[in-house]
C-alpha cells in the first residue's frame, strides 16, 4: 500500500500535465441535480414529479404495510405489523391527507460491529415504516432505472455478485486500484443538499414529508436506560426503510461526476502503442550473421533464442507505460467506492484528489484518510465486498503455433487481463476465532475448537447450524478463482462441529465423535428417514458462477449466533388471522401467551426465565376474543 498520508499532506508536489485541468471549477462542474445515467434514460425522463396523492393513496399504504417485515423490531410505540389493522391505515391516510401527520421519535440502538466499534440503528414506529415504504415504492419505481450502471448497492435485483461480476468483466489491464472510505456516510448526509436533489423529482407536499422523516428526533436506548430526545440535523438513520434509497440519490451526484467528468477526462487513446524494439526483437547483429553465414541451419534457432529472451525479460509487445493511453473504471456499492486506473501512480494521486475534493466540497462528506488507499493491482490488490481483487502478471507458456519438433521451443507471454477474485481466507479464519469456532495458537496458526455458544443445542440443531455456515460461505464465494483455497475454512468448521458435539457429550476428541457419528457427522432421528448430515462438499472446483439478480449471502451469518440460535424462538410466532374457532378476523390482532410469564417460578435465574419466556406458546386473537379469554368468558 502506498503512503496515502504523505499524499494528503503534500498534494502540490505531484506534477503532471493533466493536473492543470483539475481546479475548483472542474470539481464544482456537477451541481446537486439528478441526471439520468442509464443507457435507457431519455432527456425527458422526469416528466411530472411524483404527486403527494401517490403517497397517501390507500392501496399504496397497503403495499407499504406488506413491505414491512413481520419480525422487525417495534419502535417506541410497540406496534407491530400483525397489529396494524385496516382501520389504522385509514386513520393514517387521513393524517397524511390533512398534512397533520408527524413522524414519531425513532428508537436508536447500538449494534456492535464484527471488527469492533458501534453501529447505531434507528427503529421507526410501524406507521412511519409504512409511510417510508410508500415513498420508497414511488421513488424506486419511477427513478430507480435511471441510476448509474456502475452503482449496485440497495437496488432491486442487484447484489454483491452483480457488482463483482461487473468488476471482472469491465476492469481490464488495471494498474492502480483506488479505494475511498467515507466516514459515517449515512450519518453525515446533508439534509439541504438531499432535499435540493429531490426537489425536481417530487411535489412540494411529498418533499416536506420526506423532510419530516429525515429530521425526526431519536431516543438513545442502552439496556433499560433512555436518554433525552435528540433532533436530527444531518444524516439519515441506519435501519430506516427509506435511508438506503435516499443515500443512492445523494451518491448519484458522485456517480454523475465520475461518469460525466472524470471518465471522459482520463480515458485517452484507443489502444496501447508497441514497445520500442518489439518489431525488431529477432533482428540479428554482426556476430549472429557471421554464425548464420557459417551455419545457415541455425538462423531459426537464433531468432527463437532472441524472441524468448525478449519474452522472459517481461517486455511484451504493448507498452504498459504508453503516455497516450489511459483508462478509468469505477464501481460503487452504497458508500463503498473503488476506482480502477490504467496509468502512472502520479496520475492516480491526482484522481484521488479530484474525488476527495468533490466529496468534501460538493457533498459535504469527510473522507477517512487512514482507510483510503492506492494499491498496485499486482503487488497488493484490494478487498471489496469481502473479496480480494488482484491482477496476475503475464503468464509465459510455450507457443503451440511455433512448436517444431527438434528445435528450440518458442515462448509467448499470455496477458491475464481480467482481475482475479479471491476469497480472503485469513479474514474468514480470524472471524471464526473471534466468534468462538477456533483459537489462535502462540505461533500464529489457527486450530478449531468447540463453539460453547452452540453446545447446549440438540445434536441435530448443532449439525444444521454448522451446515448453514459452510453452505453460506460456499454460496457467497461460488465465483472466486482458485476456489480450492476454501478447503482450510471448510475443514475448520467441520472439526469445530465435531468438537462441539464432543463437548456436549463429554467425549474427549473429535475422533471419538467421528467414530460415533461417522465422517459426515450423521445425526439419526427416531425413524430411518429422520436424519441430518453435515454439509461437506465433494469438490471445490472453480466454477466462477455468480448468483445474479439475488440478494447475495454475506459473511454476517458467522457472527449472528446468539445463545438461542437454532433452538429457541427469539420472537413469538404470529398468525395473520384470529385463531379462535369460527372467527378468522384479520384486524386488531393481539398475541395471547398461554403460559403467562408471571407463572414462571421465581427460583429460576433471569437467564432461565428468558429461555422459558421465549418458548411460551402463543395464540393470535382479535381484541374481542382476547378480552373474553382474560375475563374467563371463554376457555383455552
Foldseek 3Di string as FASTA:
>chain_A
DDDLVVCVVCVVVQDDPLLVVQDPCLLPVQALAQDFAFPPADPCLQPAAAELCLLLPLVLLVVLLVPDDQPDQAFPVRDGSLFCFSVNSVVLSVCSVVVVDFFDAWAWEWDADLVGDTAIFTHGHSSVSSSLSSVVVVCCVRCVNRFHPQEAAPHFQGAPLSNVVCQQVPQWPFFKKWWWAFDPLQLAFQLVSLLVHCPRRHDDSVSVVVVSQQFHWHWYDDPPDTDDTDTRRGGGGHNRPNSLVSLSSLCSSVVCSCVVPVQVSFAFDDDFAWDPCPVVQLPDDPVLVVVCVVPVVCSVQSSLVSQQVCVVVPRATGDLARPGGKGKDWHHHRRTIMITIRHDPSVVSSVVVSSQCSCCPNRVTHIDSVPIDMDTQAPAADADQQKGWHAHAWDKDFDPVPDDPPGDTHIDTHHPTGTAIHHPQVVLQVSCCSQQQWHADPVRDIAGAARVLPLVADLQLLLVLLLVLVVLVCQQCLQGPPQVVCVVVNVSSLLNSLNSPCVNVVNDHSVVQCVVQNSQNWDADPDRVPIDTRDDDPDRDRDNDGPGSDHRGGNCSSVVRGSCPSPFAPDADADQAAPDPPGGHRHSKDKDFPQDLVPDDPVDDPVVSSRVVRRTHIGIHHPVVVVCDVVVVDDD
